[in-house]
Amino acid sequence: MKSSKKKLSPDDAELRKSVKPVICYPTDSLKSPNMNDYLIARKNLKKIDQIIIPPRDAKCFRVPKSHFFRIYCQNGPQVGDLNLWNEHNLNEKFYSGKTRALYGTHLSTNDRLWSSLPYLRPMATITHDTLDWYGFDDDGGSVHDVIGTRCDPYTEKILSNKEYHFCCHSNLIRALSNYKNISYKEAEIYIHDVLNVFMCTGFTKDTHQYFMKASPVRIGDYIEFFSEIDLLAGLSACPGGDCSLSHSSDDAVCYSLKVEIYECLNNDLKNWREPETSNYSGDHKN
């Protein structure tokens, strides 16, 4: 956090600060998803699976490519931390930082979740979001962020000197360990920065610190994704509940989350193709 103390400024300080910003990653040339095909396909769906994520816990679940899955607010306001992997290669995982660089700090309908280097391709596309009306509030807050990394026991130990074992990081480790039948140590390598589903966050206007506030999610709200590749997903029901007060403790009221997985009926996605991984040569030459 930058110091609030005024420092002696150079004579041309205002000139230096007046330089206009430039978008780091213009997306004009980025191939857009064919949302019309997705909209048609989602009218003819059959539910094939349902998973309940208990409060302060996580589960992993498989979503085959060209399927839809929804994360529902089931019993009360609750945020979730989402990890995504290529089902066949856990090294290809969701890259929240690059997704943020392409679309911004918060995601909604039409945005895509990109995978890590060197693969760098869309893993999933957001096809529906009942909270897309929220936009940005007066505090600068919005929902579904790719800013926060996930609550974890290491940061909690540094800040409070307490050990708490039901942070989203730990929850996701246990879930992946159980699903893949690997040790916690092996699983932890693959846990990565998340999409904070339903979480309302932003940066304070004075200190520019990451903040959270009560999620606007209500029972029946959901966010829907189209799986661009065979996915293994991990979802944690955050111990912070609606994240209105705290996280990394048992203080908050928490609820379960529901996941529903759908297959497409008919042949509405006949023109869809699985995205290819990056075609960069990989030479890294001078």
C-alpha atoms as a PDB file:
ATOM      1  CA  MET A   1       0.000   0.000   0.000  1.00  0.00           C
ATOM      2  CA  LYS A   2       1.458   3.326  -1.029  1.00  0.00           C
ATOM      3  CA  SER A   3       2.191   5.841   1.717  1.00  0.00           C
ATOM      4  CA  SER A   4      -0.409   8.559   2.268  1.00  0.00           C
ATOM      5  CA  LYS A   5       2.315  11.014   3.262  1.00  0.00           C
ATOM      6  CA  LYS A   6       2.944  13.775   0.764  1.00  0.00           C
ATOM      7  CA  LYS A   7       6.369  13.602  -0.792  1.00  0.00           C
ATOM      8  CA  LEU A   8       8.310  16.421  -2.446  1.00  0.00           C
ATOM      9  CA  SER A   9       7.243  16.374  -6.097  1.00  0.00           C
ATOM     10  CA  PRO A  10       9.381  17.186  -9.119  1.00  0.00           C
ATOM     11  CA  ASP A  11       8.540  20.305 -11.109  1.00  0.00           C
ATOM     12  CA  ASP A  12       6.958  18.289 -13.920  1.00  0.00           C
ATOM     13  CA  ALA A  13       4.928  15.979 -11.663  1.00  0.00           C
ATOM     14  CA  GLU A  14       1.545  17.034 -13.059  1.00  0.00           C
ATOM     15  CA  LEU A  15       2.799  16.623 -16.615  1.00  0.00           C
ATOM     16  CA  ARG A  16       4.019  13.092 -15.900  1.00  0.00           C
ATOM     17  CA  LYS A  17       0.708  12.167 -14.253  1.00  0.00           C
ATOM     18  CA  SER A  18      -1.377  13.632 -17.088  1.00  0.00           C
ATOM     19  CA  VAL A  19      -0.267  11.006 -19.602  1.00  0.00           C
ATOM     20  CA  LYS A  20      -3.313   9.209 -21.043  1.00  0.00           C
ATOM     21  CA  PRO A  21      -3.688   5.493 -20.244  1.00  0.00           C
ATOM     22  CA  VAL A  22      -3.513   2.839 -22.940  1.00  0.00           C
ATOM     23  CA  ILE A  23      -5.372  -0.490 -22.815  1.00  0.00           C
ATOM     24  CA  CYS A  24      -2.753  -3.197 -22.276  1.00  0.00           C
ATOM     25  CA  TYR A  25      -4.564  -5.938 -24.177  1.00  0.00           C
ATOM     26  CA  PRO A  26      -7.022  -4.575 -26.779  1.00  0.00           C
ATOM     27  CA  THR A  27      -9.508  -7.345 -27.566  1.00  0.00           C
ATOM     28  CA  ASP A  28     -10.708  -6.061 -30.954  1.00  0.00           C
ATOM     29  CA  SER A  29      -8.915  -8.901 -32.740  1.00  0.00           C
ATOM     30  CA  LEU A  30      -9.944 -11.536 -30.190  1.00  0.00           C
ATOM     31  CA  LYS A  31     -12.324 -14.083 -31.666  1.00  0.00           C
ATOM     32  CA  SER A  32     -15.688 -13.646 -29.968  1.00  0.00           C
ATOM     33  CA  PRO A  33     -17.852 -16.598 -28.983  1.00  0.00           C
ATOM     34  CA  ASN A  34     -20.928 -17.203 -31.099  1.00  0.00           C
ATOM     35  CA  MET A  35     -23.372 -16.295 -28.366  1.00  0.00           C
ATOM     36  CA  ASN A  36     -26.375 -16.782 -30.634  1.00  0.00           C
ATOM     37  CA  ASP A  37     -25.533 -20.485 -31.001  1.00  0.00           C
ATOM     38  CA  TYR A  38     -25.207 -20.789 -27.223  1.00  0.00           C
ATOM     39  CA  LEU A  39     -28.530 -19.012 -26.712  1.00  0.00           C
ATOM     40  CA  ILE A  40     -30.255 -21.423 -29.070  1.00  0.00           C
ATOM     41  CA  ALA A  41     -28.579 -24.452 -27.498  1.00  0.00           C
ATOM     42  CA  ARG A  42     -29.482 -23.485 -23.926  1.00  0.00           C
ATOM     43  CA  LYS A  43     -33.175 -23.624 -24.834  1.00  0.00           C
ATOM     44  CA  ASN A  44     -32.886 -27.384 -25.349  1.00  0.00           C
ATOM     45  CA  LEU A  45     -31.057 -28.763 -22.334  1.00  0.00           C
ATOM     46  CA  LYS A  46     -31.333 -31.898 -20.220  1.00  0.00           C
ATOM     47  CA  LYS A  47     -30.023 -31.946 -16.659  1.00  0.00           C
ATOM     48  CA  ILE A  48     -27.662 -34.893 -16.218  1.00  0.00           C
ATOM     49  CA  ASP A  49     -26.112 -34.245 -12.816  1.00  0.00           C
ATOM     50  CA  GLN A  50     -26.447 -32.193  -9.653  1.00  0.00           C
ATOM     51  CA  ILE A  51     -23.845 -31.528  -6.971  1.00  0.00           C
ATOM     52  CA  ILE A  52     -24.386 -29.892  -3.578  1.00  0.00           C
ATOM     53  CA  ILE A  53     -21.407 -28.044  -2.118  1.00  0.00           C
ATOM     54  CA  PRO A  54     -21.735 -28.041   1.703  1.00  0.00           C
ATOM     55  CA  PRO A  55     -20.984 -24.848   3.658  1.00  0.00           C
ATOM     56  CA  ARG A  56     -17.262 -24.309   4.370  1.00  0.00           C
ATOM     57  CA  ASP A  57     -16.362 -27.215   2.097  1.00  0.00           C
ATOM     58  CA  ALA A  58     -15.635 -27.936  -1.563  1.00  0.00           C
ATOM     59  CA  LYS A  59     -16.251 -30.597  -4.175  1.00  0.00           C
ATOM     60  CA  CYS A  60     -14.843 -31.427  -7.593  1.00  0.00           C
ATOM     61  CA  PHE A  61     -17.037 -32.371 -10.525  1.00  0.00           C
ATOM     62  CA  ARG A  62     -16.601 -33.200 -14.195  1.00  0.00           C
ATOM     63  CA  VAL A  63     -18.192 -31.182 -17.008  1.00  0.00           C
ATOM     64  CA  PRO A  64     -17.790 -32.706 -20.490  1.00  0.00           C
ATOM     65  CA  LYS A  65     -17.011 -30.330 -23.345  1.00  0.00           C
ATOM     66  CA  SER A  66     -19.993 -28.737 -25.107  1.00  0.00           C
ATOM     67  CA  HIS A  67     -22.079 -28.994 -21.923  1.00  0.00           C
ATOM     68  CA  PHE A  68     -23.486 -26.256 -19.706  1.00  0.00           C
ATOM     69  CA  PHE A  69     -23.181 -25.966 -15.945  1.00  0.00           C
ATOM     70  CA  ARG A  70     -24.827 -23.596 -13.500  1.00  0.00           C
ATOM     71  CA  ILE A  71     -23.861 -22.503 -10.013  1.00  0.00           C
ATOM     72  CA  TYR A  72     -26.955 -21.682  -7.968  1.00  0.00           C
ATOM     73  CA  CYS A  73     -27.576 -19.737  -4.794  1.00  0.00           C
ATOM     74  CA  GLN A  74     -29.637 -22.400  -3.055  1.00  0.00           C
ATOM     75  CA  ASN A  75     -30.548 -21.546   0.529  1.00  0.00           C
ATOM     76  CA  GLY A  76     -29.201 -18.062   1.220  1.00  0.00           C
ATOM     77  CA  PRO A  77     -26.567 -15.509   0.136  1.00  0.00           C
ATOM     78  CA  GLN A  78     -23.292 -17.368  -0.358  1.00  0.00           C
ATOM     79  CA  VAL A  79     -20.169 -16.815  -2.435  1.00  0.00           C
ATOM     80  CA  GLY A  80     -18.062 -19.534  -4.033  1.00  0.00           C
ATOM     81  CA  ASP A  81     -14.468 -19.933  -5.194  1.00  0.00           C
ATOM     82  CA  LEU A  82     -14.153 -21.698  -8.563  1.00  0.00           C
ATOM     83  CA  ASN A  83     -11.137 -23.560  -9.955  1.00  0.00           C
ATOM     84  CA  LEU A  84     -11.078 -25.081 -13.448  1.00  0.00           C
ATOM     85  CA  TRP A  85      -8.699 -27.627 -14.956  1.00  0.00           C
ATOM     86  CA  ASN A  86      -8.403 -29.512 -18.212  1.00  0.00           C
ATOM     87  CA  GLU A  87      -9.774 -32.868 -17.082  1.00  0.00           C
ATOM     88  CA  HIS A  88      -6.987 -34.679 -18.940  1.00  0.00           C
ATOM     89  CA  ASN A  89      -4.123 -32.383 -17.931  1.00  0.00           C
ATOM     90  CA  LEU A  90      -4.211 -30.618 -14.565  1.00  0.00           C
ATOM     91  CA  ASN A  91      -1.303 -28.407 -15.627  1.00  0.00           C
ATOM     92  CA  GLU A  92      -3.736 -26.565 -17.900  1.00  0.00           C
ATOM     93  CA  LYS A  93      -5.766 -24.571 -15.418  1.00  0.00           C
ATOM     94  CA  PHE A  94      -7.771 -21.364 -15.173  1.00  0.00           C
ATOM     95  CA  TYR A  95      -5.611 -18.239 -15.533  1.00  0.00           C
ATOM     96  CA  SER A  96      -7.439 -15.526 -13.622  1.00  0.00           C
ATOM     97  CA  GLY A  97      -4.703 -12.940 -14.197  1.00  0.00           C
ATOM     98  CA  LYS A  98      -4.838 -13.122 -17.992  1.00  0.00           C
ATOM     99  CA  THR A  99      -8.631 -13.326 -17.923  1.00  0.00           C
ATOM    100  CA  ARG A 100      -8.624 -10.134 -15.832  1.00  0.00           C
ATOM    101  CA  ALA A 101      -6.178  -8.456 -18.219  1.00  0.00           C
ATOM    102  CA  LEU A 102      -8.460  -9.234 -21.169  1.00  0.00           C
ATOM    103  CA  TYR A 103     -11.896  -8.435 -19.723  1.00  0.00           C
ATOM    104  CA  GLY A 104     -11.451  -6.458 -16.518  1.00  0.00           C
ATOM    105  CA  THR A 105     -11.728  -7.046 -12.799  1.00  0.00           C
ATOM    106  CA  HIS A 106     -15.186  -8.660 -12.851  1.00  0.00           C
ATOM    107  CA  LEU A 107     -16.792 -11.088 -15.298  1.00  0.00           C
ATOM    108  CA  SER A 108     -20.296 -11.595 -16.640  1.00  0.00           C
ATOM    109  CA  THR A 109     -22.208 -12.795 -19.717  1.00  0.00           C
ATOM    110  CA  ASN A 110     -20.099 -13.220 -22.911  1.00  0.00           C
ATOM    111  CA  ASP A 111     -16.782 -13.275 -21.021  1.00  0.00           C
ATOM    112  CA  ARG A 112     -14.534 -16.324 -21.256  1.00  0.00           C
ATOM    113  CA  LEU A 113     -12.310 -18.038 -18.708  1.00  0.00           C
ATOM    114  CA  TRP A 114      -8.852 -18.566 -20.214  1.00  0.00           C
ATOM    115  CA  SER A 115      -6.334 -21.272 -19.393  1.00  0.00           C
ATOM    116  CA  SER A 116      -2.743 -20.911 -18.222  1.00  0.00           C
ATOM    117  CA  LEU A 117       0.395 -20.617 -20.321  1.00  0.00           C
ATOM    118  CA  PRO A 118       1.523 -22.213 -22.565  1.00  0.00           C
ATOM    119  CA  TYR A 119      -1.980 -23.429 -23.469  1.00  0.00           C
ATOM    120  CA  LEU A 120      -3.902 -20.135 -23.346  1.00  0.00           C
ATOM    121  CA  ARG A 121      -7.334 -20.931 -24.742  1.00  0.00           C
ATOM    122  CA  PRO A 122     -10.931 -20.464 -23.587  1.00  0.00           C
ATOM    123  CA  MET A 123     -11.904 -23.105 -21.058  1.00  0.00           C
ATOM    124  CA  ALA A 124     -15.461 -21.872 -20.482  1.00  0.00           C
ATOM    125  CA  THR A 125     -17.775 -19.090 -21.623  1.00  0.00           C
ATOM    126  CA  ILE A 126     -20.286 -17.339 -19.361  1.00  0.00           C
ATOM    127  CA  THR A 127     -23.622 -17.736 -21.148  1.00  0.00           C
ATOM    128  CA  HIS A 128     -26.036 -16.395 -18.530  1.00  0.00           C
ATOM    129  CA  ASP A 129     -25.795 -14.426 -15.301  1.00  0.00           C
ATOM    130  CA  THR A 130     -28.826 -13.375 -13.278  1.00  0.00           C
ATOM    131  CA  LEU A 131     -26.659 -10.727 -11.566  1.00  0.00           C
ATOM    132  CA  ASP A 132     -25.470  -9.003 -14.736  1.00  0.00           C
ATOM    133  CA  TRP A 133     -27.825  -6.115 -13.878  1.00  0.00           C
ATOM    134  CA  TYR A 134     -25.580  -5.154 -10.943  1.00  0.00           C
ATOM    135  CA  GLY A 135     -22.831  -3.449 -12.919  1.00  0.00           C
ATOM    136  CA  PHE A 136     -20.682  -1.296 -10.614  1.00  0.00           C
ATOM    137  CA  ASP A 137     -22.117   0.324  -7.488  1.00  0.00           C
ATOM    138  CA  ASP A 138     -21.224   3.673  -5.910  1.00  0.00           C
ATOM    139  CA  ASP A 139     -18.369   2.081  -3.979  1.00  0.00           C
ATOM    140  CA  GLY A 140     -16.885   0.691  -7.185  1.00  0.00           C
ATOM    141  CA  GLY A 141     -18.005  -2.804  -6.253  1.00  0.00           C
ATOM    142  CA  SER A 142     -19.174  -5.486  -8.668  1.00  0.00           C
ATOM    143  CA  VAL A 143     -19.739  -9.256  -8.667  1.00  0.00           C
ATOM    144  CA  HIS A 144     -17.816 -12.315  -9.943  1.00  0.00           C
ATOM    145  CA  ASP A 145     -14.311 -10.951  -9.512  1.00  0.00           C
ATOM    146  CA  VAL A 146     -10.962 -12.165 -10.769  1.00  0.00           C
ATOM    147  CA  ILE A 147      -9.060  -9.911  -8.345  1.00  0.00           C
ATOM    148  CA  GLY A 148      -8.938 -11.881  -5.113  1.00  0.00           C
ATOM    149  CA  THR A 149      -6.909 -15.062  -5.075  1.00  0.00           C
ATOM    150  CA  ARG A 150      -8.966 -17.105  -2.555  1.00  0.00           C
ATOM    151  CA  CYS A 151      -8.876 -17.110   1.240  1.00  0.00           C
ATOM    152  CA  ASP A 152      -6.015 -19.268   2.475  1.00  0.00           C
ATOM    153  CA  PRO A 153      -4.588 -20.457   5.803  1.00  0.00           C
ATOM    154  CA  TYR A 154      -1.129 -19.013   5.174  1.00  0.00           C
ATOM    155  CA  THR A 155      -2.311 -15.414   4.948  1.00  0.00           C
ATOM    156  CA  GLU A 156      -4.648 -15.972   7.909  1.00  0.00           C
ATOM    157  CA  LYS A 157      -1.734 -17.276   9.991  1.00  0.00           C
ATOM    158  CA  ILE A 158       0.337 -14.177   9.136  1.00  0.00           C
ATOM    159  CA  LEU A 159      -2.469 -11.726   9.916  1.00  0.00           C
ATOM    160  CA  SER A 160      -4.041 -13.321  13.000  1.00  0.00           C
ATOM    161  CA  ASN A 161      -1.568 -16.024  14.087  1.00  0.00           C
ATOM    162  CA  LYS A 162      -4.512 -18.451  14.011  1.00  0.00           C
ATOM    163  CA  GLU A 163      -4.768 -21.704  12.123  1.00  0.00           C
ATOM    164  CA  TYR A 164      -8.013 -22.137  10.209  1.00  0.00           C
ATOM    165  CA  HIS A 165      -8.430 -25.226   8.051  1.00  0.00           C
ATOM    166  CA  PHE A 166     -11.605 -24.409   6.117  1.00  0.00           C
ATOM    167  CA  CYS A 167     -10.395 -21.544   3.939  1.00  0.00           C
ATOM    168  CA  CYS A 168     -11.234 -21.975   0.264  1.00  0.00           C
ATOM    169  CA  HIS A 169      -7.622 -22.908  -0.520  1.00  0.00           C
ATOM    170  CA  SER A 170      -7.742 -25.801   1.954  1.00  0.00           C
ATOM    171  CA  ASN A 171     -11.259 -26.780   0.907  1.00  0.00           C
ATOM    172  CA  LEU A 172     -10.155 -27.038  -2.730  1.00  0.00           C
ATOM    173  CA  ILE A 173      -7.082 -29.068  -1.765  1.00  0.00           C
ATOM    174  CA  ARG A 174      -9.233 -31.628   0.060  1.00  0.00           C
ATOM    175  CA  ALA A 175     -11.726 -31.770  -2.807  1.00  0.00           C
ATOM    176  CA  LEU A 176      -9.073 -32.354  -5.479  1.00  0.00           C
ATOM    177  CA  SER A 177      -7.233 -34.826  -3.258  1.00  0.00           C
ATOM    178  CA  ASN A 178     -10.405 -36.860  -2.757  1.00  0.00           C
ATOM    179  CA  TYR A 179     -11.439 -36.710  -6.417  1.00  0.00           C
ATOM    180  CA  LYS A 180      -8.036 -37.654  -7.879  1.00  0.00           C
ATOM    181  CA  ASN A 181      -6.958 -39.910  -4.988  1.00  0.00           C
ATOM    182  CA  ILE A 182      -3.734 -37.965  -4.473  1.00  0.00           C
ATOM    183  CA  SER A 183      -2.129 -36.538  -1.337  1.00  0.00           C
ATOM    184  CA  TYR A 184      -2.878 -33.058  -0.027  1.00  0.00           C
ATOM    185  CA  LYS A 185       0.698 -32.076  -0.904  1.00  0.00           C
ATOM    186  CA  GLU A 186       0.255 -33.232  -4.516  1.00  0.00           C
ATOM    187  CA  ALA A 187      -3.145 -31.569  -4.797  1.00  0.00           C
ATOM    188  CA  GLU A 188      -1.961 -28.201  -3.466  1.00  0.00           C
ATOM    189  CA  ILE A 189       0.315 -27.720  -6.486  1.00  0.00           C
ATOM    190  CA  TYR A 190      -2.719 -27.515  -8.765  1.00  0.00           C
ATOM    191  CA  ILE A 191      -4.870 -25.131  -6.699  1.00  0.00           C
ATOM    192  CA  HIS A 192      -4.879 -21.726  -8.358  1.00  0.00           C
ATOM    193  CA  ASP A 193      -6.390 -18.246  -8.266  1.00  0.00           C
ATOM    194  CA  VAL A 194     -10.152 -18.400  -8.556  1.00  0.00           C
ATOM    195  CA  LEU A 195     -13.226 -16.832 -10.044  1.00  0.00           C
ATOM    196  CA  ASN A 196     -15.019 -15.446  -7.001  1.00  0.00           C
ATOM    197  CA  VAL A 197     -18.571 -16.429  -7.872  1.00  0.00           C
ATOM    198  CA  PHE A 198     -21.274 -14.092  -6.478  1.00  0.00           C
ATOM    199  CA  MET A 199     -18.675 -12.165  -4.427  1.00  0.00           C
ATOM    200  CA  CYS A 200     -19.052  -8.363  -4.465  1.00  0.00           C
ATOM    201  CA  THR A 201     -15.652  -6.670  -4.411  1.00  0.00           C
ATOM    202  CA  GLY A 202     -13.655  -3.685  -5.576  1.00  0.00           C
ATOM    203  CA  PHE A 203     -10.927  -1.281  -4.525  1.00  0.00           C
ATOM    204  CA  THR A 204     -11.402   1.483  -1.974  1.00  0.00           C
ATOM    205  CA  LYS A 205     -11.241   4.963  -3.460  1.00  0.00           C
ATOM    206  CA  ASP A 206      -8.840   6.378  -0.870  1.00  0.00           C
ATOM    207  CA  THR A 207      -6.311   3.601  -0.188  1.00  0.00           C
ATOM    208  CA  HIS A 208      -7.095   1.462  -3.272  1.00  0.00           C
ATOM    209  CA  GLN A 209      -7.271  -1.666  -1.117  1.00  0.00           C
ATOM    210  CA  TYR A 210      -9.221  -4.747  -2.102  1.00  0.00           C
ATOM    211  CA  PHE A 211     -12.606  -4.742  -0.340  1.00  0.00           C
ATOM    212  CA  MET A 212     -15.623  -7.009  -0.058  1.00  0.00           C
ATOM    213  CA  LYS A 213     -19.217  -6.241   0.807  1.00  0.00           C
ATOM    214  CA  ALA A 214     -22.437  -8.200   1.217  1.00  0.00           C
ATOM    215  CA  SER A 215     -23.171 -10.129  -1.955  1.00  0.00           C
ATOM    216  CA  PRO A 216     -26.376  -9.129  -3.771  1.00  0.00           C
ATOM    217  CA  VAL A 217     -27.031 -12.783  -4.641  1.00  0.00           C
ATOM    218  CA  ARG A 218     -30.386 -14.209  -3.586  1.00  0.00           C
ATOM    219  CA  ILE A 219     -31.994 -17.642  -3.642  1.00  0.00           C
ATOM    220  CA  GLY A 220     -32.526 -18.735  -7.243  1.00  0.00           C
ATOM    221  CA  ASP A 221     -29.783 -16.579  -8.746  1.00  0.00           C
ATOM    222  CA  TYR A 222     -27.241 -18.429 -10.865  1.00  0.00           C
ATOM    223  CA  ILE A 223     -24.316 -18.040 -13.217  1.00  0.00           C
ATOM    224  CA  GLU A 224     -24.107 -20.355 -16.226  1.00  0.00           C
ATOM    225  CA  PHE A 225     -21.057 -21.541 -18.149  1.00  0.00           C
ATOM    226  CA  PHE A 226     -20.518 -23.405 -21.415  1.00  0.00           C
ATOM    227  CA  SER A 227     -17.622 -25.868 -21.228  1.00  0.00           C
ATOM    228  CA  GLU A 228     -15.291 -25.295 -24.170  1.00  0.00           C
ATOM    229  CA  ILE A 229     -13.121 -28.296 -23.202  1.00  0.00           C
ATOM    230  CA  ASP A 230     -13.492 -31.328 -20.943  1.00  0.00           C
ATOM    231  CA  LEU A 231     -13.407 -29.690 -17.541  1.00  0.00           C
ATOM    232  CA  LEU A 232     -12.685 -30.734 -14.014  1.00  0.00           C
ATOM    233  CA  ALA A 233     -14.092 -28.037 -11.752  1.00  0.00           C
ATOM    234  CA  GLY A 234     -13.578 -27.413  -8.053  1.00  0.00           C
ATOM    235  CA  LEU A 235     -15.988 -25.203  -6.115  1.00  0.00           C
ATOM    236  CA  SER A 236     -15.680 -24.075  -2.507  1.00  0.00           C
ATOM    237  CA  ALA A 237     -18.545 -22.577  -0.502  1.00  0.00           C
ATOM    238  CA  CYS A 238     -16.530 -19.798   1.138  1.00  0.00           C
ATOM    239  CA  PRO A 239     -16.404 -19.674   4.962  1.00  0.00           C
ATOM    240  CA  GLY A 240     -17.162 -15.961   4.624  1.00  0.00           C
ATOM    241  CA  GLY A 241     -20.783 -16.691   3.632  1.00  0.00           C
ATOM    242  CA  ASP A 242     -21.953 -13.579   1.776  1.00  0.00           C
ATOM    243  CA  CYS A 243     -18.617 -11.904   2.680  1.00  0.00           C
ATOM    244  CA  SER A 244     -20.314  -8.979   4.417  1.00  0.00           C
ATOM    245  CA  LEU A 245     -18.144  -9.150   7.547  1.00  0.00           C
ATOM    246  CA  SER A 246     -15.268 -11.608   7.522  1.00  0.00           C
ATOM    247  CA  HIS A 247     -13.798 -14.736   6.067  1.00  0.00           C
ATOM    248  CA  SER A 248     -11.367 -17.443   7.216  1.00  0.00           C
ATOM    249  CA  SER A 249     -13.383 -18.174  10.360  1.00  0.00           C
ATOM    250  CA  ASP A 250     -16.594 -19.788  11.565  1.00  0.00           C
ATOM    251  CA  ASP A 251     -18.160 -16.407  12.370  1.00  0.00           C
ATOM    252  CA  ALA A 252     -20.212 -15.927   9.195  1.00  0.00           C
ATOM    253  CA  VAL A 253     -23.528 -17.569   8.355  1.00  0.00           C
ATOM    254  CA  CYS A 254     -22.847 -19.957   5.477  1.00  0.00           C
ATOM    255  CA  TYR A 255     -25.054 -21.842   3.047  1.00  0.00           C
ATOM    256  CA  SER A 256     -24.598 -24.614   0.524  1.00  0.00           C
ATOM    257  CA  LEU A 257     -24.222 -24.010  -3.206  1.00  0.00           C
ATOM    258  CA  LYS A 258     -25.813 -26.119  -5.931  1.00  0.00           C
ATOM    259  CA  VAL A 259     -24.264 -27.084  -9.261  1.00  0.00           C
ATOM    260  CA  GLU A 260     -26.339 -28.406 -12.150  1.00  0.00           C
ATOM    261  CA  ILE A 261     -24.834 -29.903 -15.317  1.00  0.00           C
ATOM    262  CA  TYR A 262     -26.721 -29.989 -18.612  1.00  0.00           C
ATOM    263  CA  GLU A 263     -26.214 -31.673 -21.953  1.00  0.00           C
ATOM    264  CA  CYS A 264     -27.444 -30.167 -25.211  1.00  0.00           C
ATOM    265  CA  LEU A 265     -30.291 -31.868 -27.003  1.00  0.00           C
ATOM    266  CA  ASN A 266     -30.831 -31.759 -30.765  1.00  0.00           C
ATOM    267  CA  ASN A 267     -27.885 -30.647 -32.902  1.00  0.00           C
ATOM    268  CA  ASP A 268     -27.849 -26.961 -32.009  1.00  0.00           C
ATOM    269  CA  LEU A 269     -24.062 -26.790 -31.655  1.00  0.00           C
ATOM    270  CA  LYS A 270     -23.091 -28.494 -34.913  1.00  0.00           C
ATOM    271  CA  ASN A 271     -20.842 -25.562 -35.829  1.00  0.00           C
ATOM    272  CA  TRP A 272     -19.065 -25.462 -32.463  1.00  0.00           C
ATOM    273  CA  ARG A 273     -15.425 -26.536 -32.306  1.00  0.00           C
ATOM    274  CA  GLU A 274     -13.214 -27.077 -29.281  1.00  0.00           C
ATOM    275  CA  PRO A 275     -10.713 -24.201 -29.020  1.00  0.00           C
ATOM    276  CA  GLU A 276      -7.144 -25.099 -29.881  1.00  0.00           C
ATOM    277  CA  THR A 277      -4.241 -24.360 -27.579  1.00  0.00           C
ATOM    278  CA  SER A 278      -1.907 -21.472 -28.420  1.00  0.00           C
ATOM    279  CA  ASN A 279      -0.101 -21.848 -31.734  1.00  0.00           C
ATOM    280  CA  TYR A 280       2.933 -19.874 -30.543  1.00  0.00           C
ATOM    281  CA  SER A 281       6.055 -21.743 -31.693  1.00  0.00           C
ATOM    282  CA  GLY A 282       7.531 -21.899 -28.208  1.00  0.00           C
ATOM    283  CA  ASP A 283      10.993 -20.985 -29.507  1.00  0.00           C
ATOM    284  CA  HIS A 284      11.502 -17.956 -27.209  1.00  0.00           C
ATOM    285  CA  LYS A 285      14.346 -16.839 -29.496  1.00  0.00           C
ATOM    286  CA  ASN A 286      16.364 -13.645 -29.229  1.00  0.00           C
END
